[in-house]
Amino acid sequence: MKLRYRFLGILFFLLAMTIHGQELSVLANNFIETLSPELKAETLMNLDNEERLKFNFVPIKRKGVTFKDFNETQKEAAIALLKASLSTDGYKKTVAITQLENVLIVLENNELKMPDGSPMRDPLNYHFLVFKDKSNDTFWGWSFEGHHISLNFIAQENKILSSTPSFLGSNPAIVPSGPHKGKEVLKEESEMGFKLVNALSNEQLNKALISSQAPRDIISGTRISAENLEPYGISYAELSTSQQKALKDLIHVYINNYESEFEKSFWDKINTSGVEGLSFAWAGSLTPGKAHYYRIQSPVILIEYDNTQNNANHIHTVVRDLSNDFGSDVLKAHYEESHKH
């Protein structure tokens, strides 16, 4: 079992050195074609299937195939699709989160089990689903989901049109012991958040600090659609030039996880809606080690970060596109156009 996990880690690393710039639709089709008829039936669904809108980040029973189902060729094809759909940083974080399952196995003595008796912590238990549109095969989508990861994509041929909702979590946030002691998968998200909040003046902090207590988890939860959250905290206009840059740099940490063309289009969307519409809110402790939370939002985006569980050593982060989660906006336009003909 340990050798199998180690091999998967090596395979991730080797593929990180290759496979860039290949067409997404080709990679998706390559992945599908490697599957047996039985695995293909578990993986491929219609674009309008309700399963596409299911979004969760805890260990639950899921549909779709996992690394446990794959031979080496299938693993390589699945990883190639995953890598091409993310930036280098996004891919590395995703892989590192799956490997934290091995840390949890040790920390929890492998005692936690799923309802069927299988181990709850398993770096191979991440599910792939691919969605196709019967009426127009230029539109397609796919998802990669498991403990502390939920990635959801909609594409038209080779162009990603939606990469949200996207969830990345880290437990432990900082590995406390063992060979990976000190490892922090979401280090920038934490450190840059503290850097920004502690750069605020007392007057600014009075606006940004929405509660002395951090919420137990991200507030947007696993709802299909997200919306702006009140209170907003401090507005972009109320920040100094250096603080505005720090806020943009923090947003970049999240947006930079996406494939480069989609990252640019998302930034364009934020800028077009007006950066003056951005706001930053904080709750809980202003120093690491105690429960804390922040959120960044504008009319088009919501970013949430929460670190409260396990003595504030357990991070949840999410990015929501407030008009186009799950590609809802682009698909609505597509279906409306289709019905005209």
C-alpha atoms as a PDB file:
ATOM      1  CA  MET A   1       0.000   0.000   0.000  1.00  0.00           C
ATOM      2  CA  LYS A   2       2.810   2.449   0.902  1.00  0.00           C
ATOM      3  CA  LEU A   3       4.544   1.681  -2.393  1.00  0.00           C
ATOM      4  CA  ARG A   4       1.346   2.426  -4.289  1.00  0.00           C
ATOM      5  CA  TYR A   5       0.997   5.821  -2.588  1.00  0.00           C
ATOM      6  CA  ARG A   6       4.676   6.556  -3.184  1.00  0.00           C
ATOM      7  CA  PHE A   7       4.350   5.664  -6.848  1.00  0.00           C
ATOM      8  CA  LEU A   8       1.388   7.982  -7.249  1.00  0.00           C
ATOM      9  CA  GLY A   9       3.410  10.819  -5.738  1.00  0.00           C
ATOM     10  CA  ILE A  10       6.277  10.145  -8.156  1.00  0.00           C
ATOM     11  CA  LEU A  11       3.833  10.005 -11.055  1.00  0.00           C
ATOM     12  CA  PHE A  12       2.371  13.395 -10.079  1.00  0.00           C
ATOM     13  CA  PHE A  13       5.882  14.848  -9.942  1.00  0.00           C
ATOM     14  CA  LEU A  14       6.982  13.501 -13.307  1.00  0.00           C
ATOM     15  CA  LEU A  15       3.848  14.708 -15.023  1.00  0.00           C
ATOM     16  CA  ALA A  16       4.354  18.127 -13.474  1.00  0.00           C
ATOM     17  CA  MET A  17       7.459  18.387 -15.644  1.00  0.00           C
ATOM     18  CA  THR A  18       5.514  17.661 -18.840  1.00  0.00           C
ATOM     19  CA  ILE A  19       2.126  17.989 -20.510  1.00  0.00           C
ATOM     20  CA  HIS A  20       1.516  21.671 -20.883  1.00  0.00           C
ATOM     21  CA  GLY A  21      -0.210  23.447 -23.697  1.00  0.00           C
ATOM     22  CA  GLN A  22      -1.986  20.383 -24.972  1.00  0.00           C
ATOM     23  CA  GLU A  23      -5.583  20.919 -25.974  1.00  0.00           C
ATOM     24  CA  LEU A  24      -7.980  20.364 -23.111  1.00  0.00           C
ATOM     25  CA  SER A  25     -10.627  18.595 -25.138  1.00  0.00           C
ATOM     26  CA  VAL A  26      -7.987  16.215 -26.504  1.00  0.00           C
ATOM     27  CA  LEU A  27      -6.794  15.426 -22.992  1.00  0.00           C
ATOM     28  CA  ALA A  28     -10.361  14.881 -21.794  1.00  0.00           C
ATOM     29  CA  ASN A  29     -11.116  12.547 -24.685  1.00  0.00           C
ATOM     30  CA  ASN A  30      -7.810  10.743 -24.176  1.00  0.00           C
ATOM     31  CA  PHE A  31      -8.759  10.154 -20.543  1.00  0.00           C
ATOM     32  CA  ILE A  32     -12.226   8.869 -21.436  1.00  0.00           C
ATOM     33  CA  GLU A  33     -10.859   6.569 -24.120  1.00  0.00           C
ATOM     34  CA  THR A  34      -8.440   4.900 -21.694  1.00  0.00           C
ATOM     35  CA  LEU A  35     -11.358   3.736 -19.561  1.00  0.00           C
ATOM     36  CA  SER A  36     -13.075   0.380 -19.766  1.00  0.00           C
ATOM     37  CA  PRO A  37     -16.793   0.462 -20.652  1.00  0.00           C
ATOM     38  CA  GLU A  38     -17.616  -0.039 -16.970  1.00  0.00           C
ATOM     39  CA  LEU A  39     -15.413   2.838 -15.794  1.00  0.00           C
ATOM     40  CA  LYS A  40     -16.583   5.031 -18.653  1.00  0.00           C
ATOM     41  CA  ALA A  41     -20.193   4.522 -17.556  1.00  0.00           C
ATOM     42  CA  GLU A  42     -19.251   5.712 -14.050  1.00  0.00           C
ATOM     43  CA  THR A  43     -17.317   8.724 -15.337  1.00  0.00           C
ATOM     44  CA  LEU A  44     -19.253  10.207 -18.244  1.00  0.00           C
ATOM     45  CA  MET A  45     -22.530  12.061 -17.627  1.00  0.00           C
ATOM     46  CA  ASN A  46     -24.743  14.534 -19.440  1.00  0.00           C
ATOM     47  CA  LEU A  47     -23.917  18.196 -18.915  1.00  0.00           C
ATOM     48  CA  ASP A  48     -27.372  18.779 -17.426  1.00  0.00           C
ATOM     49  CA  ASN A  49     -26.982  15.951 -14.875  1.00  0.00           C
ATOM     50  CA  GLU A  50     -27.668  17.219 -11.342  1.00  0.00           C
ATOM     51  CA  GLU A  51     -24.432  15.580 -10.212  1.00  0.00           C
ATOM     52  CA  ARG A  52     -22.520  18.404 -11.925  1.00  0.00           C
ATOM     53  CA  LEU A  53     -23.908  20.899  -9.406  1.00  0.00           C
ATOM     54  CA  LYS A  54     -22.959  18.915  -6.319  1.00  0.00           C
ATOM     55  CA  PHE A  55     -20.183  20.620  -4.404  1.00  0.00           C
ATOM     56  CA  ASN A  56     -18.607  19.261  -1.242  1.00  0.00           C
ATOM     57  CA  PHE A  57     -15.227  19.036   0.428  1.00  0.00           C
ATOM     58  CA  VAL A  58     -15.617  16.483   3.231  1.00  0.00           C
ATOM     59  CA  PRO A  59     -15.130  12.701   3.055  1.00  0.00           C
ATOM     60  CA  ILE A  60     -18.468  11.452   1.719  1.00  0.00           C
ATOM     61  CA  LYS A  61     -19.651   8.812  -0.729  1.00  0.00           C
ATOM     62  CA  ARG A  62     -19.306  10.272  -4.239  1.00  0.00           C
ATOM     63  CA  LYS A  63     -20.005   9.233  -7.795  1.00  0.00           C
ATOM     64  CA  GLY A  64     -17.233   8.990 -10.337  1.00  0.00           C
ATOM     65  CA  VAL A  65     -14.020   7.018 -10.636  1.00  0.00           C
ATOM     66  CA  THR A  66     -10.942   7.407  -8.436  1.00  0.00           C
ATOM     67  CA  PHE A  67      -7.236   6.623  -8.604  1.00  0.00           C
ATOM     68  CA  LYS A  68      -8.067   3.330  -6.905  1.00  0.00           C
ATOM     69  CA  ASP A  69      -9.922   2.303 -10.065  1.00  0.00           C
ATOM     70  CA  PHE A  70      -7.148   3.166 -12.530  1.00  0.00           C
ATOM     71  CA  ASN A  71      -4.317   1.315 -14.133  1.00  0.00           C
ATOM     72  CA  GLU A  72      -1.151   3.311 -14.838  1.00  0.00           C
ATOM     73  CA  THR A  73      -2.279   4.493 -18.287  1.00  0.00           C
ATOM     74  CA  GLN A  74      -5.574   5.730 -16.894  1.00  0.00           C
ATOM     75  CA  LYS A  75      -3.786   7.485 -14.009  1.00  0.00           C
ATOM     76  CA  GLU A  76      -1.488   9.285 -16.416  1.00  0.00           C
ATOM     77  CA  ALA A  77      -4.396  10.430 -18.604  1.00  0.00           C
ATOM     78  CA  ALA A  78      -6.414  11.637 -15.592  1.00  0.00           C
ATOM     79  CA  ILE A  79      -3.457  13.565 -14.164  1.00  0.00           C
ATOM     80  CA  ALA A  80      -2.725  15.103 -17.559  1.00  0.00           C
ATOM     81  CA  LEU A  81      -6.240  16.545 -17.666  1.00  0.00           C
ATOM     82  CA  LEU A  82      -5.955  17.806 -14.088  1.00  0.00           C
ATOM     83  CA  LYS A  83      -2.608  19.467 -14.713  1.00  0.00           C
ATOM     84  CA  ALA A  84      -3.724  21.191 -17.918  1.00  0.00           C
ATOM     85  CA  SER A  85      -6.783  22.647 -16.173  1.00  0.00           C
ATOM     86  CA  LEU A  86      -4.760  24.421 -13.463  1.00  0.00           C
ATOM     87  CA  SER A  87      -1.724  26.646 -13.128  1.00  0.00           C
ATOM     88  CA  THR A  88       1.537  25.149 -11.930  1.00  0.00           C
ATOM     89  CA  ASP A  89       0.870  26.541  -8.434  1.00  0.00           C
ATOM     90  CA  GLY A  90      -2.726  25.311  -8.421  1.00  0.00           C
ATOM     91  CA  TYR A  91      -1.629  21.851  -9.495  1.00  0.00           C
ATOM     92  CA  LYS A  92       1.102  21.650  -6.858  1.00  0.00           C
ATOM     93  CA  LYS A  93      -1.298  22.699  -4.092  1.00  0.00           C
ATOM     94  CA  THR A  94      -3.867  20.149  -5.248  1.00  0.00           C
ATOM     95  CA  VAL A  95      -1.329  17.327  -5.217  1.00  0.00           C
ATOM     96  CA  ALA A  96       0.019  18.424  -1.823  1.00  0.00           C
ATOM     97  CA  ILE A  97      -3.504  18.388  -0.351  1.00  0.00           C
ATOM     98  CA  THR A  98      -4.060  14.805  -1.496  1.00  0.00           C
ATOM     99  CA  GLN A  99      -0.768  13.838   0.155  1.00  0.00           C
ATOM    100  CA  LEU A 100      -1.874  15.339   3.480  1.00  0.00           C
ATOM    101  CA  GLU A 101      -4.180  12.325   3.718  1.00  0.00           C
ATOM    102  CA  ASN A 102      -1.052  10.278   4.490  1.00  0.00           C
ATOM    103  CA  VAL A 103      -0.232  12.686   7.330  1.00  0.00           C
ATOM    104  CA  LEU A 104      -3.753  12.339   8.748  1.00  0.00           C
ATOM    105  CA  ILE A 105      -3.545   8.542   8.572  1.00  0.00           C
ATOM    106  CA  VAL A 106      -0.613   8.712  10.999  1.00  0.00           C
ATOM    107  CA  LEU A 107      -1.959  11.501  13.227  1.00  0.00           C
ATOM    108  CA  GLU A 108      -5.331   9.756  13.602  1.00  0.00           C
ATOM    109  CA  ASN A 109      -3.912   6.201  13.768  1.00  0.00           C
ATOM    110  CA  ASN A 110      -6.047   5.366  10.727  1.00  0.00           C
ATOM    111  CA  GLU A 111      -9.048   5.032  13.043  1.00  0.00           C
ATOM    112  CA  LEU A 112     -11.618   7.017  11.047  1.00  0.00           C
ATOM    113  CA  LYS A 113     -13.689   4.978   8.618  1.00  0.00           C
ATOM    114  CA  MET A 114     -16.250   5.603   5.911  1.00  0.00           C
ATOM    115  CA  PRO A 115     -19.741   4.061   6.302  1.00  0.00           C
ATOM    116  CA  ASP A 116     -18.633   1.085   4.185  1.00  0.00           C
ATOM    117  CA  GLY A 117     -15.686   0.443   6.492  1.00  0.00           C
ATOM    118  CA  SER A 118     -13.002   1.756   4.156  1.00  0.00           C
ATOM    119  CA  PRO A 119     -10.413   4.242   5.496  1.00  0.00           C
ATOM    120  CA  MET A 120     -11.668   7.829   5.643  1.00  0.00           C
ATOM    121  CA  ARG A 121      -8.190   9.167   4.873  1.00  0.00           C
ATOM    122  CA  ASP A 122      -7.001   7.973   1.493  1.00  0.00           C
ATOM    123  CA  PRO A 123      -4.820   9.916  -1.000  1.00  0.00           C
ATOM    124  CA  LEU A 124      -6.269   7.813  -3.820  1.00  0.00           C
ATOM    125  CA  ASN A 125      -9.911   8.571  -3.012  1.00  0.00           C
ATOM    126  CA  TYR A 126     -10.384  11.579  -5.322  1.00  0.00           C
ATOM    127  CA  HIS A 127     -13.163  11.396  -7.866  1.00  0.00           C
ATOM    128  CA  PHE A 128     -13.261  12.307 -11.557  1.00  0.00           C
ATOM    129  CA  LEU A 129     -16.436  13.063 -13.499  1.00  0.00           C
ATOM    130  CA  VAL A 130     -16.708  14.302 -17.095  1.00  0.00           C
ATOM    131  CA  PHE A 131     -19.857  15.975 -18.434  1.00  0.00           C
ATOM    132  CA  LYS A 132     -20.830  16.258 -22.102  1.00  0.00           C
ATOM    133  CA  ASP A 133     -23.608  18.202 -23.832  1.00  0.00           C
ATOM    134  CA  LYS A 134     -25.567  15.921 -26.181  1.00  0.00           C
ATOM    135  CA  SER A 135     -26.919  18.815 -28.234  1.00  0.00           C
ATOM    136  CA  ASN A 136     -23.579  20.572 -28.698  1.00  0.00           C
ATOM    137  CA  ASP A 137     -20.383  18.665 -28.110  1.00  0.00           C
ATOM    138  CA  THR A 138     -18.292  21.855 -28.067  1.00  0.00           C
ATOM    139  CA  PHE A 139     -19.461  22.418 -24.457  1.00  0.00           C
ATOM    140  CA  TRP A 140     -18.218  20.069 -21.784  1.00  0.00           C
ATOM    141  CA  GLY A 141     -17.245  20.049 -18.120  1.00  0.00           C
ATOM    142  CA  TRP A 142     -15.441  18.009 -15.530  1.00  0.00           C
ATOM    143  CA  SER A 143     -14.834  17.867 -11.802  1.00  0.00           C
ATOM    144  CA  PHE A 144     -12.177  16.589  -9.418  1.00  0.00           C
ATOM    145  CA  GLU A 145     -13.351  16.203  -5.842  1.00  0.00           C
ATOM    146  CA  GLY A 146     -12.515  14.568  -2.544  1.00  0.00           C
ATOM    147  CA  HIS A 147     -11.455  15.528   0.970  1.00  0.00           C
ATOM    148  CA  HIS A 148     -10.502  19.239   0.963  1.00  0.00           C
ATOM    149  CA  ILE A 149     -10.622  19.549  -2.830  1.00  0.00           C
ATOM    150  CA  SER A 150     -13.479  20.512  -5.115  1.00  0.00           C
ATOM    151  CA  LEU A 151     -12.568  21.707  -8.607  1.00  0.00           C
ATOM    152  CA  ASN A 152     -15.295  22.332 -11.178  1.00  0.00           C
ATOM    153  CA  PHE A 153     -14.759  23.275 -14.808  1.00  0.00           C
ATOM    154  CA  ILE A 154     -16.844  24.228 -17.825  1.00  0.00           C
ATOM    155  CA  ALA A 155     -15.169  24.580 -21.209  1.00  0.00           C
ATOM    156  CA  GLN A 156     -16.093  25.297 -24.786  1.00  0.00           C
ATOM    157  CA  GLU A 157     -13.814  23.087 -26.812  1.00  0.00           C
ATOM    158  CA  ASN A 158     -10.364  24.050 -25.429  1.00  0.00           C
ATOM    159  CA  LYS A 159     -11.209  27.262 -23.591  1.00  0.00           C
ATOM    160  CA  ILE A 160     -12.118  27.129 -19.903  1.00  0.00           C
ATOM    161  CA  LEU A 161     -15.165  29.329 -19.291  1.00  0.00           C
ATOM    162  CA  SER A 162     -15.653  28.556 -15.600  1.00  0.00           C
ATOM    163  CA  SER A 163     -13.364  27.210 -12.868  1.00  0.00           C
ATOM    164  CA  THR A 164     -15.593  27.850  -9.872  1.00  0.00           C
ATOM    165  CA  PRO A 165     -16.626  26.967  -7.296  1.00  0.00           C
ATOM    166  CA  SER A 166     -13.103  25.970  -6.336  1.00  0.00           C
ATOM    167  CA  PHE A 167     -12.291  24.751  -2.839  1.00  0.00           C
ATOM    168  CA  LEU A 168      -8.878  23.932  -1.384  1.00  0.00           C
ATOM    169  CA  GLY A 169      -8.355  22.998   2.250  1.00  0.00           C
ATOM    170  CA  SER A 170      -5.447  21.934   4.403  1.00  0.00           C
ATOM    171  CA  ASN A 171      -5.528  19.698   7.460  1.00  0.00           C
ATOM    172  CA  PRO A 172      -3.162  20.114   9.155  1.00  0.00           C
ATOM    173  CA  ALA A 173      -2.541  23.699   8.092  1.00  0.00           C
ATOM    174  CA  ILE A 174       0.969  23.245   9.506  1.00  0.00           C
ATOM    175  CA  VAL A 175       2.085  19.620   9.858  1.00  0.00           C
ATOM    176  CA  PRO A 176       2.987  19.243  13.560  1.00  0.00           C
ATOM    177  CA  SER A 177       5.263  16.208  13.475  1.00  0.00           C
ATOM    178  CA  GLY A 178       6.790  13.460  11.397  1.00  0.00           C
ATOM    179  CA  PRO A 179       8.923  13.646   8.242  1.00  0.00           C
ATOM    180  CA  HIS A 180       6.815  16.512   6.840  1.00  0.00           C
ATOM    181  CA  LYS A 181       6.868  18.596  10.031  1.00  0.00           C
ATOM    182  CA  GLY A 182       6.380  22.291   9.287  1.00  0.00           C
ATOM    183  CA  LYS A 183       4.855  21.769   5.843  1.00  0.00           C
ATOM    184  CA  GLU A 184       2.233  24.419   4.972  1.00  0.00           C
ATOM    185  CA  VAL A 185       0.262  23.817   1.788  1.00  0.00           C
ATOM    186  CA  LEU A 186      -1.701  27.084   2.002  1.00  0.00           C
ATOM    187  CA  LYS A 187       1.046  29.198   3.540  1.00  0.00           C
ATOM    188  CA  GLU A 188       0.617  32.277   1.332  1.00  0.00           C
ATOM    189  CA  GLU A 189      -3.125  32.396   1.914  1.00  0.00           C
ATOM    190  CA  SER A 190      -2.439  32.550   5.657  1.00  0.00           C
ATOM    191  CA  GLU A 191       0.602  34.798   5.833  1.00  0.00           C
ATOM    192  CA  MET A 192      -0.605  37.376   3.324  1.00  0.00           C
ATOM    193  CA  GLY A 193      -3.981  37.622   5.049  1.00  0.00           C
ATOM    194  CA  PHE A 194      -2.272  38.422   8.354  1.00  0.00           C
ATOM    195  CA  LYS A 195       0.079  40.834   6.601  1.00  0.00           C
ATOM    196  CA  LEU A 196      -2.849  42.809   5.217  1.00  0.00           C
ATOM    197  CA  VAL A 197      -4.984  42.918   8.372  1.00  0.00           C
ATOM    198  CA  ASN A 198      -2.022  43.930  10.538  1.00  0.00           C
ATOM    199  CA  ALA A 199      -1.113  46.727   8.117  1.00  0.00           C
ATOM    200  CA  LEU A 200      -4.412  48.444   8.901  1.00  0.00           C
ATOM    201  CA  SER A 201      -4.608  51.455  11.186  1.00  0.00           C
ATOM    202  CA  ASN A 202      -6.840  51.295  14.238  1.00  0.00           C
ATOM    203  CA  GLU A 203      -9.483  53.298  12.400  1.00  0.00           C
ATOM    204  CA  GLN A 204      -9.315  50.984   9.391  1.00  0.00           C
ATOM    205  CA  LEU A 205      -9.373  47.903  11.597  1.00  0.00           C
ATOM    206  CA  ASN A 206     -12.581  49.110  13.224  1.00  0.00           C
ATOM    207  CA  LYS A 207     -14.184  48.831   9.785  1.00  0.00           C
ATOM    208  CA  ALA A 208     -12.483  45.615   8.663  1.00  0.00           C
ATOM    209  CA  LEU A 209     -12.991  43.618  11.872  1.00  0.00           C
ATOM    210  CA  ILE A 210     -16.545  42.318  11.661  1.00  0.00           C
ATOM    211  CA  SER A 211     -16.386  40.072  14.742  1.00  0.00           C
ATOM    212  CA  SER A 212     -13.998  39.140  17.521  1.00  0.00           C
ATOM    213  CA  GLN A 213     -15.076  35.528  16.949  1.00  0.00           C
ATOM    214  CA  ALA A 214     -14.331  33.655  13.742  1.00  0.00           C
ATOM    215  CA  PRO A 215     -17.173  31.610  12.195  1.00  0.00           C
ATOM    216  CA  ARG A 216     -16.845  27.846  12.465  1.00  0.00           C
ATOM    217  CA  ASP A 217     -16.453  27.461   8.707  1.00  0.00           C
ATOM    218  CA  ILE A 218     -16.774  29.279   5.406  1.00  0.00           C
ATOM    219  CA  ILE A 219     -20.166  30.963   5.366  1.00  0.00           C
ATOM    220  CA  SER A 220     -21.072  30.287   1.730  1.00  0.00           C
ATOM    221  CA  GLY A 221     -20.988  26.570   2.546  1.00  0.00           C
ATOM    222  CA  THR A 222     -21.766  24.124  -0.251  1.00  0.00           C
ATOM    223  CA  ARG A 223     -24.698  25.964  -1.797  1.00  0.00           C
ATOM    224  CA  ILE A 224     -25.034  25.805  -5.572  1.00  0.00           C
ATOM    225  CA  SER A 225     -24.948  29.581  -5.856  1.00  0.00           C
ATOM    226  CA  ALA A 226     -23.208  32.100  -3.627  1.00  0.00           C
ATOM    227  CA  GLU A 227     -23.926  35.748  -2.950  1.00  0.00           C
ATOM    228  CA  ASN A 228     -22.286  38.721  -1.287  1.00  0.00           C
ATOM    229  CA  LEU A 229     -22.009  38.496   2.490  1.00  0.00           C
ATOM    230  CA  GLU A 230     -22.664  41.243   4.995  1.00  0.00           C
ATOM    231  CA  PRO A 231     -21.033  43.049   6.631  1.00  0.00           C
ATOM    232  CA  TYR A 232     -18.544  43.947   3.929  1.00  0.00           C
ATOM    233  CA  GLY A 233     -15.738  45.211   6.136  1.00  0.00           C
ATOM    234  CA  ILE A 234     -13.440  47.863   4.733  1.00  0.00           C
ATOM    235  CA  SER A 235     -13.726  49.017   1.133  1.00  0.00           C
ATOM    236  CA  TYR A 236     -10.909  49.202  -1.398  1.00  0.00           C
ATOM    237  CA  ALA A 237     -11.200  53.006  -1.493  1.00  0.00           C
ATOM    238  CA  GLU A 238     -10.549  53.204   2.252  1.00  0.00           C
ATOM    239  CA  LEU A 239      -7.174  51.478   1.897  1.00  0.00           C
ATOM    240  CA  SER A 240      -3.866  53.183   1.229  1.00  0.00           C
ATOM    241  CA  THR A 241      -2.042  52.540  -2.043  1.00  0.00           C
ATOM    242  CA  SER A 242       0.230  49.953  -0.421  1.00  0.00           C
ATOM    243  CA  GLN A 243      -2.732  48.265   1.274  1.00  0.00           C
ATOM    244  CA  GLN A 244      -4.634  48.169  -2.007  1.00  0.00           C
ATOM    245  CA  LYS A 245      -1.651  46.418  -3.562  1.00  0.00           C
ATOM    246  CA  ALA A 246      -1.551  43.961  -0.646  1.00  0.00           C
ATOM    247  CA  LEU A 247      -5.240  43.185  -1.215  1.00  0.00           C
ATOM    248  CA  LYS A 248      -4.683  42.604  -4.933  1.00  0.00           C
ATOM    249  CA  ASP A 249      -1.658  40.434  -4.151  1.00  0.00           C
ATOM    250  CA  LEU A 250      -3.794  38.333  -1.816  1.00  0.00           C
ATOM    251  CA  ILE A 251      -6.487  37.927  -4.476  1.00  0.00           C
ATOM    252  CA  HIS A 252      -3.752  36.907  -6.906  1.00  0.00           C
ATOM    253  CA  VAL A 253      -2.759  34.009  -4.625  1.00  0.00           C
ATOM    254  CA  TYR A 254      -6.212  32.521  -5.241  1.00  0.00           C
ATOM    255  CA  ILE A 255      -6.735  33.472  -8.893  1.00  0.00           C
ATOM    256  CA  ASN A 256      -3.245  32.261  -9.762  1.00  0.00           C
ATOM    257  CA  ASN A 257      -4.373  28.680  -9.091  1.00  0.00           C
ATOM    258  CA  TYR A 258      -6.307  28.749 -12.367  1.00  0.00           C
ATOM    259  CA  GLU A 259      -5.120  27.941 -15.879  1.00  0.00           C
ATOM    260  CA  SER A 260      -3.444  31.035 -17.325  1.00  0.00           C
ATOM    261  CA  GLU A 261      -6.085  32.092 -19.864  1.00  0.00           C
ATOM    262  CA  PHE A 262      -8.910  31.672 -17.382  1.00  0.00           C
ATOM    263  CA  GLU A 263      -6.892  33.483 -14.717  1.00  0.00           C
ATOM    264  CA  LYS A 264      -6.566  36.461 -17.071  1.00  0.00           C
ATOM    265  CA  SER A 265     -10.263  36.430 -17.965  1.00  0.00           C
ATOM    266  CA  PHE A 266     -11.238  36.310 -14.276  1.00  0.00           C
ATOM    267  CA  TRP A 267      -8.973  39.247 -13.481  1.00  0.00           C
ATOM    268  CA  ASP A 268     -10.493  41.126 -16.421  1.00  0.00           C
ATOM    269  CA  LYS A 269     -13.937  40.441 -14.981  1.00  0.00           C
ATOM    270  CA  ILE A 270     -12.921  41.781 -11.559  1.00  0.00           C
ATOM    271  CA  ASN A 271     -11.353  44.891 -13.104  1.00  0.00           C
ATOM    272  CA  THR A 272     -14.281  45.517 -15.439  1.00  0.00           C
ATOM    273  CA  SER A 273     -16.725  45.379 -12.530  1.00  0.00           C
ATOM    274  CA  GLY A 274     -14.536  47.958 -10.765  1.00  0.00           C
ATOM    275  CA  VAL A 275     -11.803  47.309  -8.195  1.00  0.00           C
ATOM    276  CA  GLU A 276     -13.412  50.026  -6.082  1.00  0.00           C
ATOM    277  CA  GLY A 277     -16.152  47.457  -5.436  1.00  0.00           C
ATOM    278  CA  LEU A 278     -13.706  45.202  -3.567  1.00  0.00           C
ATOM    279  CA  SER A 279     -13.879  44.865   0.206  1.00  0.00           C
ATOM    280  CA  PHE A 280     -11.960  43.014   2.913  1.00  0.00           C
ATOM    281  CA  ALA A 281     -13.408  41.696   6.172  1.00  0.00           C
ATOM    282  CA  TRP A 282     -11.720  39.889   9.072  1.00  0.00           C
ATOM    283  CA  ALA A 283     -13.017  37.989  12.097  1.00  0.00           C
ATOM    284  CA  GLY A 284     -11.260  36.439  15.074  1.00  0.00           C
ATOM    285  CA  SER A 285      -7.626  36.568  16.146  1.00  0.00           C
ATOM    286  CA  LEU A 286      -5.142  38.999  14.577  1.00  0.00           C
ATOM    287  CA  THR A 287      -2.265  36.621  15.293  1.00  0.00           C
ATOM    288  CA  PRO A 288      -1.651  33.047  14.100  1.00  0.00           C
ATOM    289  CA  GLY A 289      -2.484  30.107  16.306  1.00  0.00           C
ATOM    290  CA  LYS A 290      -6.019  31.159  17.226  1.00  0.00           C
ATOM    291  CA  ALA A 291      -9.237  30.971  15.230  1.00  0.00           C
ATOM    292  CA  HIS A 292      -9.420  33.502  12.396  1.00  0.00           C
ATOM    293  CA  TYR A 293     -11.324  34.162   9.178  1.00  0.00           C
ATOM    294  CA  TYR A 294     -11.330  36.617   6.310  1.00  0.00           C
ATOM    295  CA  ARG A 295     -13.247  37.263   3.144  1.00  0.00           C
ATOM    296  CA  ILE A 296     -12.722  39.338   0.034  1.00  0.00           C
ATOM    297  CA  GLN A 297     -15.609  40.218  -2.218  1.00  0.00           C
ATOM    298  CA  SER A 298     -16.939  42.430  -4.967  1.00  0.00           C
ATOM    299  CA  PRO A 299     -20.078  42.247  -7.101  1.00  0.00           C
ATOM    300  CA  VAL A 300     -18.473  39.417  -9.109  1.00  0.00           C
ATOM    301  CA  ILE A 301     -16.297  37.409  -6.692  1.00  0.00           C
ATOM    302  CA  LEU A 302     -16.298  35.960  -3.194  1.00  0.00           C
ATOM    303  CA  ILE A 303     -13.176  34.540  -1.558  1.00  0.00           C
ATOM    304  CA  GLU A 304     -13.410  33.005   1.913  1.00  0.00           C
ATOM    305  CA  TYR A 305     -10.651  31.732   4.190  1.00  0.00           C
ATOM    306  CA  ASP A 306     -11.352  30.042   7.526  1.00  0.00           C
ATOM    307  CA  ASN A 307      -8.928  28.560  10.059  1.00  0.00           C
ATOM    308  CA  THR A 308     -10.796  27.586  13.205  1.00  0.00           C
ATOM    309  CA  GLN A 309     -10.914  23.796  13.528  1.00  0.00           C
ATOM    310  CA  ASN A 310      -8.310  21.608  15.245  1.00  0.00           C
ATOM    311  CA  ASN A 311      -7.056  24.480  17.400  1.00  0.00           C
ATOM    312  CA  ALA A 312      -6.805  26.772  14.382  1.00  0.00           C
ATOM    313  CA  ASN A 313      -4.652  24.363  12.383  1.00  0.00           C
ATOM    314  CA  HIS A 314      -7.187  23.414   9.713  1.00  0.00           C
ATOM    315  CA  ILE A 315      -7.805  25.719   6.733  1.00  0.00           C
ATOM    316  CA  HIS A 316     -10.759  25.966   4.362  1.00  0.00           C
ATOM    317  CA  THR A 317     -10.641  28.285   1.337  1.00  0.00           C
ATOM    318  CA  VAL A 318     -13.130  28.828  -1.452  1.00  0.00           C
ATOM    319  CA  VAL A 319     -13.500  31.040  -4.516  1.00  0.00           C
ATOM    320  CA  ARG A 320     -16.955  31.713  -5.946  1.00  0.00           C
ATOM    321  CA  ASP A 321     -17.858  33.555  -9.143  1.00  0.00           C
ATOM    322  CA  LEU A 322     -21.082  35.259  -8.132  1.00  0.00           C
ATOM    323  CA  SER A 323     -22.552  35.188 -11.639  1.00  0.00           C
ATOM    324  CA  ASN A 324     -20.943  32.143 -13.239  1.00  0.00           C
ATOM    325  CA  ASP A 325     -20.362  29.338 -10.699  1.00  0.00           C
ATOM    326  CA  PHE A 326     -20.604  25.981 -12.489  1.00  0.00           C
ATOM    327  CA  GLY A 327     -20.648  27.993 -15.742  1.00  0.00           C
ATOM    328  CA  SER A 328     -24.246  28.967 -15.049  1.00  0.00           C
ATOM    329  CA  ASP A 329     -24.055  32.268 -16.930  1.00  0.00           C
ATOM    330  CA  VAL A 330     -22.330  30.985 -20.058  1.00  0.00           C
ATOM    331  CA  LEU A 331     -24.461  27.846 -20.210  1.00  0.00           C
ATOM    332  CA  LYS A 332     -27.660  29.849 -19.793  1.00  0.00           C
ATOM    333  CA  ALA A 333     -26.654  32.014 -22.746  1.00  0.00           C
ATOM    334  CA  HIS A 334     -25.759  28.902 -24.742  1.00  0.00           C
ATOM    335  CA  TYR A 335     -29.089  27.179 -24.089  1.00  0.00           C
ATOM    336  CA  GLU A 336     -31.057  30.336 -24.807  1.00  0.00           C
ATOM    337  CA  GLU A 337     -29.260  30.706 -28.131  1.00  0.00           C
ATOM    338  CA  SER A 338     -29.843  27.041 -28.959  1.00  0.00           C
ATOM    339  CA  HIS A 339     -33.603  27.382 -28.428  1.00  0.00           C
ATOM    340  CA  LYS A 340     -33.790  30.212 -30.969  1.00  0.00           C
ATOM    341  CA  HIS A 341     -32.943  27.797 -33.764  1.00  0.00           C
END
